[in-house]
Amino acid sequence: MRLFGRKDDDEDPARADDAIAGFWAWWDGARPQLDAMVAAGESERSADLLGPAVSALHEGLVWEVAPGRNAAHALVVTAAGDAELRPLAHRWARAAPPADLLWEFHPSRPAHPRAAELSLEVAGLQFGLDRLALGLRAPRGAPRVDVTAYHPIFGELDEDARMDATLLALDWLLGEDDVARWVGDITPATFQPIDSVPAVHLPAIVADLVAEFGQEQWAQLEGQTAGGAPLAAMARYPLRPVDYPLFDQHIAITLPYKHRDPNGLPTGGSLAALRDFEERLAARLLKPGGDAVMVAQLSAERHRIIHVYADPSGDGASHAKELMADWREGKPRLDVTTDPSWSAVAAFLS
């Protein structure tokens, strides 16, 4: 397996449909030459072709050619954990030609079915997953497992090399997206944790988390605004952008309400009206498999803000605007922005 490319955290995110179309036009022309190079094992020459083409999409994207699941080869173009670039990688994959016997395409590194057998060279040393040990901590009630990773060569590597090797190993074991979903703190260590287990046990631990947190749940939260006013909120739990990689349009619906309790929270007819609005929003906009999802809502100081994330190619914003036209308890407000990292709901991310 060969890994090429480098993620540049200083680059601005880019969603360029013309660049994606340009890549696939290039692919059609370059594929015969790439097929021949890959078949001959000329990975460096194929890198000279693929590298500039992927960089033209965005300098921050990382790519590799790996064994495919159903095809002989897989071309992986990934954001490498950068939430700002994840939608671009997924739109690249969505525009890909159909997979065939030779090539398939992935916007994130998939889990390897024989991860325990994999090995690569790191700084002239052999890094094999059969010798990787993990200390695992899954706090009760938390949807993530913290990982401390140890390998006998880690004492001879610098900090960056240890982290890079650990992240690649986790991707091999779980797949890149499940690492983003279920793994919390990652700490490469130069000593073996006392309670460590072979790395191949990590998927079983994650499977337990999936069983506990895989179904849709909502968390009720209480707090205060910056001015000290009481605040009540509800949010999906766990809440992670990786579950909705194409939903990088943030739609904020602000509804003023008339009937409130002494804390400024909705009550009586206003509470009923807000619930009715959200039900109609869900029926019209948030159908399963649709192009939008409501992720959180919060009420404070006579206003409720409903946070929706949507695929900007859909009609989420226009549907929300139409529903808001019927609101009778004050002038509603609609704010639509691009937010691939879901920074507007950072406090609710889990």
Protein backbone atom coordinates (compact mmCIF):
# COMPACT_ATOMS: atom_id res chain seq x y z
CA MET A 1 0.00 0.00 0.00
CA ARG A 2 1.35 3.39 -0.99
CA LEU A 3 0.34 6.68 0.58
CA PHE A 4 0.91 9.99 -1.18
CA GLY A 5 -0.07 13.58 -0.54
CA ARG A 6 -0.01 15.81 2.46
CA LYS A 7 -2.77 17.58 4.29
CA ASP A 8 -2.18 21.32 4.59
CA ASP A 9 -4.12 22.76 7.52
CA ASP A 10 -3.52 26.31 6.30
CA GLU A 11 -5.52 25.88 3.10
CA ASP A 12 -9.04 27.23 2.88
CA PRO A 13 -11.73 24.66 2.10
CA ALA A 14 -12.84 24.52 -1.50
CA ARG A 15 -16.00 23.18 -3.10
CA ALA A 16 -15.29 23.41 -6.79
CA ASP A 17 -17.66 21.47 -9.04
CA ASP A 18 -15.65 22.52 -12.06
CA ALA A 19 -12.46 21.15 -10.49
CA ILE A 20 -14.19 17.84 -9.77
CA ALA A 21 -15.46 17.66 -13.35
CA GLY A 22 -11.97 18.51 -14.56
CA PHE A 23 -10.47 15.68 -12.52
CA TRP A 24 -12.80 13.07 -13.99
CA ALA A 25 -12.25 14.38 -17.50
CA TRP A 26 -8.51 14.03 -16.86
CA TRP A 27 -9.08 10.54 -15.46
CA ASP A 28 -10.80 9.38 -18.64
CA GLY A 29 -7.82 10.44 -20.70
CA ALA A 30 -5.09 9.28 -18.31
CA ARG A 31 -6.60 5.95 -17.27
CA PRO A 32 -5.00 3.72 -19.94
CA GLN A 33 -1.57 4.98 -18.90
CA LEU A 34 -2.40 4.60 -15.19
CA ASP A 35 -3.71 1.09 -15.72
CA ALA A 36 -0.45 0.08 -17.36
CA MET A 37 1.69 1.69 -14.64
CA VAL A 38 -0.24 0.14 -11.76
CA ALA A 39 -0.23 -3.28 -13.43
CA ALA A 40 3.55 -3.01 -13.84
CA GLY A 41 4.00 -1.94 -10.21
CA GLU A 42 5.35 1.47 -11.25
CA SER A 43 3.86 3.28 -8.27
CA GLU A 44 6.24 6.23 -8.38
CA ARG A 45 5.41 6.97 -12.01
CA SER A 46 1.68 6.70 -11.32
CA ALA A 47 2.19 9.10 -8.39
CA ASP A 48 3.71 11.62 -10.78
CA LEU A 49 0.43 11.51 -12.73
CA LEU A 50 -2.08 11.31 -9.90
CA GLY A 51 -0.46 13.75 -7.49
CA PRO A 52 -0.91 16.93 -9.54
CA ALA A 53 -4.44 15.91 -10.55
CA VAL A 54 -5.53 15.52 -6.91
CA SER A 55 -3.72 18.71 -5.90
CA ALA A 56 -5.73 20.54 -8.52
CA LEU A 57 -8.84 19.61 -6.54
CA HIS A 58 -7.32 20.93 -3.32
CA GLU A 59 -3.80 20.95 -1.92
CA GLY A 60 -5.09 19.63 1.39
CA LEU A 61 -6.45 16.36 0.05
CA VAL A 62 -4.53 13.12 0.63
CA TRP A 63 -4.66 10.22 -1.81
CA GLU A 64 -3.53 6.63 -2.12
CA VAL A 65 -3.93 3.60 -4.34
CA ALA A 66 -4.89 0.55 -2.30
CA PRO A 67 -6.31 -2.92 -2.93
CA GLY A 68 -10.02 -2.64 -3.70
CA ARG A 69 -12.90 -4.40 -2.00
CA ASN A 70 -14.51 -5.56 -5.24
CA ALA A 71 -12.13 -4.13 -7.85
CA ALA A 72 -8.43 -4.81 -8.23
CA HIS A 73 -7.52 -1.29 -7.09
CA ALA A 74 -9.10 1.50 -5.05
CA LEU A 75 -8.32 5.16 -5.52
CA VAL A 76 -8.85 6.88 -2.17
CA VAL A 77 -9.01 10.68 -2.05
CA THR A 78 -9.58 11.77 1.52
CA ALA A 79 -9.72 14.86 3.70
CA ALA A 80 -7.55 12.97 6.21
CA GLY A 81 -9.69 14.04 9.15
CA ASP A 82 -10.09 17.68 8.07
CA ALA A 83 -13.81 18.38 8.51
CA GLU A 84 -13.56 21.44 6.27
CA LEU A 85 -12.50 19.29 3.30
CA ARG A 86 -14.66 16.21 3.89
CA PRO A 87 -17.58 17.46 1.72
CA LEU A 88 -15.20 18.05 -1.19
CA ALA A 89 -13.85 14.49 -0.99
CA HIS A 90 -17.36 13.05 -0.87
CA ARG A 91 -18.52 15.16 -3.81
CA TRP A 92 -15.48 13.95 -5.74
CA ALA A 93 -16.49 10.34 -5.02
CA ARG A 94 -20.16 11.01 -5.85
CA ALA A 95 -19.10 12.23 -9.31
CA ALA A 96 -16.89 9.20 -9.95
CA PRO A 97 -17.61 6.80 -12.82
CA PRO A 98 -19.12 3.42 -11.89
CA ALA A 99 -16.67 0.96 -10.37
CA ASP A 100 -15.45 -1.81 -12.64
CA LEU A 101 -13.13 -4.81 -12.35
CA LEU A 102 -10.03 -2.61 -12.11
CA TRP A 103 -10.99 0.53 -10.16
CA GLU A 104 -13.28 1.67 -7.38
CA PHE A 105 -13.28 5.05 -5.63
CA HIS A 106 -13.52 6.06 -1.97
CA PRO A 107 -13.67 9.46 -0.19
CA SER A 108 -12.15 8.02 2.98
CA ARG A 109 -9.80 5.16 3.79
CA PRO A 110 -11.86 1.98 4.31
CA ALA A 111 -11.05 -0.64 6.91
CA HIS A 112 -8.76 -3.37 5.64
CA PRO A 113 -10.19 -6.90 5.91
CA ARG A 114 -6.74 -8.28 6.86
CA ALA A 115 -5.46 -5.38 8.92
CA ALA A 116 -3.49 -7.58 11.32
CA GLU A 117 -1.33 -8.78 8.42
CA LEU A 118 -0.38 -5.30 7.21
CA SER A 119 3.01 -3.75 7.61
CA LEU A 120 4.85 -0.72 6.27
CA GLU A 121 8.23 0.91 6.65
CA VAL A 122 8.44 3.96 8.92
CA ALA A 123 11.78 5.78 9.10
CA GLY A 124 13.54 2.63 7.96
CA LEU A 125 11.82 0.47 10.61
CA GLN A 126 9.12 -2.13 10.15
CA PHE A 127 5.70 -1.15 11.52
CA GLY A 128 3.43 -4.19 11.61
CA LEU A 129 -0.01 -4.23 13.19
CA ASP A 130 0.65 -7.67 14.65
CA ARG A 131 2.92 -5.95 17.20
CA LEU A 132 0.71 -2.93 17.88
CA ALA A 133 -0.85 -2.83 21.36
CA LEU A 134 -3.63 -0.50 22.46
CA GLY A 135 -4.69 0.77 25.83
CA LEU A 136 -8.44 1.39 25.50
CA ARG A 137 -10.67 3.49 27.73
CA ALA A 138 -14.38 3.88 27.07
CA PRO A 139 -15.90 6.09 29.81
CA ARG A 140 -19.39 4.97 30.78
CA GLY A 141 -22.03 6.87 28.85
CA ALA A 142 -19.52 8.35 26.38
CA PRO A 143 -19.81 7.55 22.65
CA ARG A 144 -16.05 7.33 22.10
CA VAL A 145 -13.09 5.20 23.11
CA ASP A 146 -9.78 6.84 24.00
CA VAL A 147 -6.74 5.05 22.58
CA THR A 148 -3.15 4.83 23.80
CA ALA A 149 -1.05 3.10 21.13
CA TYR A 150 2.29 1.35 21.63
CA HIS A 151 4.62 -0.32 19.15
CA PRO A 152 8.19 -1.48 19.85
CA ILE A 153 9.58 0.94 17.24
CA PHE A 154 7.88 4.00 18.74
CA GLY A 155 10.83 4.74 21.00
CA GLU A 156 12.96 5.30 17.89
CA LEU A 157 10.49 7.58 16.12
CA ASP A 158 9.76 11.26 16.59
CA GLU A 159 6.36 12.40 17.82
CA ASP A 160 4.93 13.16 14.38
CA ALA A 161 5.99 9.79 12.95
CA ARG A 162 4.43 7.96 15.90
CA MET A 163 1.15 9.79 15.42
CA ASP A 164 1.10 9.26 11.66
CA ALA A 165 1.70 5.53 12.07
CA THR A 166 -0.97 5.28 14.76
CA LEU A 167 -3.58 7.11 12.69
CA LEU A 168 -2.88 4.91 9.67
CA ALA A 169 -3.19 1.78 11.81
CA LEU A 170 -6.53 2.93 13.25
CA ASP A 171 -7.79 3.62 9.73
CA TRP A 172 -6.76 0.11 8.68
CA LEU A 173 -8.54 -1.39 11.68
CA LEU A 174 -11.79 0.62 11.63
CA GLY A 175 -11.89 2.69 8.47
CA GLU A 176 -11.28 6.41 8.53
CA ASP A 177 -14.92 7.41 9.04
CA ASP A 178 -15.41 5.12 12.02
CA VAL A 179 -12.26 6.51 13.59
CA ALA A 180 -13.87 9.95 13.31
CA ARG A 181 -17.13 8.61 14.77
CA TRP A 182 -15.98 6.44 17.65
CA VAL A 183 -12.37 7.24 18.62
CA GLY A 184 -11.67 10.07 21.05
CA ASP A 185 -8.22 10.99 22.32
CA ILE A 186 -5.33 9.27 20.53
CA THR A 187 -1.98 9.05 22.32
CA PRO A 188 1.04 7.24 20.83
CA ALA A 189 3.25 6.01 23.67
CA THR A 190 6.85 4.83 24.00
CA PHE A 191 5.87 2.44 26.80
CA GLN A 192 3.26 -0.29 26.73
CA PRO A 193 0.13 0.41 28.81
CA ILE A 194 -0.35 -2.12 31.59
CA ASP A 195 -3.87 -3.03 30.45
CA SER A 196 -3.15 -3.01 26.70
CA VAL A 197 -4.63 -5.51 24.27
CA PRO A 198 -3.65 -6.47 20.71
CA ALA A 199 -4.84 -3.86 18.26
CA VAL A 200 -7.08 -6.36 16.47
CA HIS A 201 -9.51 -6.16 19.43
CA LEU A 202 -10.40 -2.52 18.71
CA PRO A 203 -13.25 -3.31 16.25
CA ALA A 204 -15.00 -5.39 18.91
CA ILE A 205 -14.84 -2.51 21.40
CA VAL A 206 -16.24 -0.13 18.81
CA ALA A 207 -19.01 -2.61 17.98
CA ASP A 208 -20.17 -2.32 21.61
CA LEU A 209 -20.33 1.48 21.23
CA VAL A 210 -22.31 1.12 18.02
CA ALA A 211 -24.80 -1.12 19.80
CA GLU A 212 -25.25 1.49 22.56
CA PHE A 213 -25.19 4.70 20.55
CA GLY A 214 -25.98 3.67 16.98
CA GLN A 215 -29.67 4.56 17.19
CA GLU A 216 -30.96 8.10 17.00
CA GLN A 217 -31.08 9.77 20.41
CA TRP A 218 -31.71 13.30 21.63
CA ALA A 219 -30.12 14.89 24.67
CA GLN A 220 -31.87 17.55 26.76
CA LEU A 221 -29.53 20.27 27.98
CA GLU A 222 -29.73 23.30 30.23
CA GLY A 223 -27.42 26.26 30.58
CA GLN A 224 -27.08 30.00 30.38
CA THR A 225 -26.60 32.51 27.61
CA ALA A 226 -23.56 34.80 27.57
CA GLY A 227 -25.73 37.33 29.40
CA GLY A 228 -26.69 34.84 32.11
CA ALA A 229 -30.26 34.12 30.95
CA PRO A 230 -31.56 30.54 31.32
CA LEU A 231 -31.23 28.40 28.20
CA ALA A 232 -32.86 25.07 27.29
CA ALA A 233 -31.68 22.96 24.36
CA MET A 234 -32.08 19.62 22.65
CA ALA A 235 -29.44 18.06 20.37
CA ARG A 236 -28.87 14.83 18.55
CA TYR A 237 -26.53 12.55 20.44
CA PRO A 238 -23.98 11.60 19.29
CA LEU A 239 -23.71 14.56 16.91
CA ARG A 240 -20.94 14.30 14.31
CA PRO A 241 -20.47 15.92 10.88
CA VAL A 242 -18.92 12.69 9.55
CA ASP A 243 -22.41 11.13 9.57
CA TYR A 244 -23.62 13.73 7.04
CA PRO A 245 -20.56 14.52 4.90
CA LEU A 246 -22.47 16.40 2.18
CA PHE A 247 -24.47 18.56 4.59
CA ASP A 248 -22.21 21.60 4.77
CA GLN A 249 -24.91 24.27 4.49
CA HIS A 250 -26.01 25.62 7.88
CA ILE A 251 -29.62 26.82 8.06
CA ALA A 252 -30.45 28.70 11.27
CA ILE A 253 -34.14 29.39 11.84
CA THR A 254 -34.87 31.90 14.60
CA LEU A 255 -38.47 32.07 15.83
CA PRO A 256 -39.58 34.65 18.41
CA TYR A 257 -42.36 33.51 20.75
CA LYS A 258 -44.90 35.42 22.84
CA HIS A 259 -45.80 33.10 25.72
CA ARG A 260 -42.96 32.44 28.13
CA ASP A 261 -42.32 31.49 31.72
CA PRO A 262 -40.39 33.70 34.19
CA ASN A 263 -37.11 32.33 32.79
CA GLY A 264 -37.96 33.44 29.26
CA LEU A 265 -38.56 29.90 28.02
CA PRO A 266 -41.58 29.03 25.84
CA THR A 267 -44.80 27.88 27.44
CA GLY A 268 -48.50 27.46 26.66
CA GLY A 269 -49.57 28.32 23.14
CA SER A 270 -46.06 29.29 22.05
CA LEU A 271 -44.66 25.92 23.06
CA ALA A 272 -47.40 24.20 21.09
CA ALA A 273 -46.74 26.43 18.08
CA LEU A 274 -43.03 25.69 18.17
CA ARG A 275 -43.65 21.95 18.33
CA ASP A 276 -46.06 22.19 15.41
CA PHE A 277 -43.51 24.13 13.36
CA GLU A 278 -40.82 21.52 14.00
CA GLU A 279 -43.19 18.69 13.08
CA ARG A 280 -44.04 20.40 9.79
CA LEU A 281 -40.35 21.08 9.21
CA ALA A 282 -39.54 17.42 9.74
CA ALA A 283 -42.35 16.28 7.47
CA ARG A 284 -41.36 18.60 4.65
CA LEU A 285 -37.61 18.88 4.94
CA LEU A 286 -36.14 16.18 7.07
CA LYS A 287 -37.40 12.95 5.53
CA PRO A 288 -35.18 9.87 6.09
CA GLY A 289 -32.66 9.71 3.30
CA GLY A 290 -33.34 13.34 2.43
CA ASP A 291 -30.93 16.20 1.98
CA ALA A 292 -31.21 17.92 5.38
CA VAL A 293 -31.11 17.06 9.08
CA MET A 294 -32.16 19.00 12.17
CA VAL A 295 -29.32 18.72 14.65
CA ALA A 296 -30.24 20.97 17.56
CA GLN A 297 -32.66 23.56 18.87
CA LEU A 298 -32.28 25.98 21.76
CA SER A 299 -34.61 28.41 23.49
CA ALA A 300 -33.66 31.49 25.48
CA GLU A 301 -34.76 35.10 25.89
CA ARG A 302 -38.03 34.71 23.94
CA HIS A 303 -36.41 33.11 20.88
CA ARG A 304 -35.94 29.58 19.63
CA ILE A 305 -33.12 28.82 17.20
CA ILE A 306 -33.43 25.66 15.13
CA HIS A 307 -30.18 24.41 13.58
CA VAL A 308 -30.45 22.47 10.31
CA TYR A 309 -27.64 21.20 8.11
CA ALA A 310 -28.33 20.49 4.46
CA ASP A 311 -26.83 19.59 1.13
CA PRO A 312 -26.65 22.96 -0.65
CA SER A 313 -27.68 21.32 -3.91
CA GLY A 314 -31.10 20.64 -2.35
CA ASP A 315 -33.99 22.94 -1.49
CA GLY A 316 -33.57 23.06 2.27
CA ALA A 317 -33.24 26.82 2.62
CA SER A 318 -36.18 27.60 0.35
CA HIS A 319 -38.42 25.09 2.13
CA ALA A 320 -37.51 26.60 5.49
CA LYS A 321 -38.29 30.08 4.21
CA GLU A 322 -41.73 28.97 2.99
CA LEU A 323 -42.59 27.42 6.36
CA MET A 324 -41.45 30.52 8.23
CA ALA A 325 -43.93 32.65 6.28
CA ASP A 326 -46.72 31.19 8.43
CA TRP A 327 -45.13 32.12 11.77
CA ARG A 328 -47.42 34.49 13.69
CA GLU A 329 -45.58 35.27 16.96
CA GLY A 330 -43.08 37.79 15.64
CA LYS A 331 -40.74 38.28 12.74
CA PRO A 332 -38.72 35.10 12.09
CA ARG A 333 -35.16 35.14 10.78
CA LEU A 334 -33.34 32.81 8.39
CA ASP A 335 -29.54 32.66 8.20
CA VAL A 336 -27.87 30.42 5.62
CA THR A 337 -24.09 29.94 5.64
CA THR A 338 -21.48 27.44 4.51
CA ASP A 339 -20.19 25.52 7.52
CA PRO A 340 -18.57 22.17 6.65
CA SER A 341 -17.08 21.69 10.13
CA TRP A 342 -20.42 22.46 11.84
CA SER A 343 -18.77 25.18 13.87
CA ALA A 344 -22.15 26.81 14.57
CA VAL A 345 -23.09 23.85 16.77
CA ALA A 346 -19.61 23.12 18.12
CA ALA A 347 -20.94 23.08 21.68
CA PHE A 348 -23.17 20.11 20.83
CA LEU A 349 -20.67 17.98 18.89
CA SER A 350 -19.86 14.68 20.49
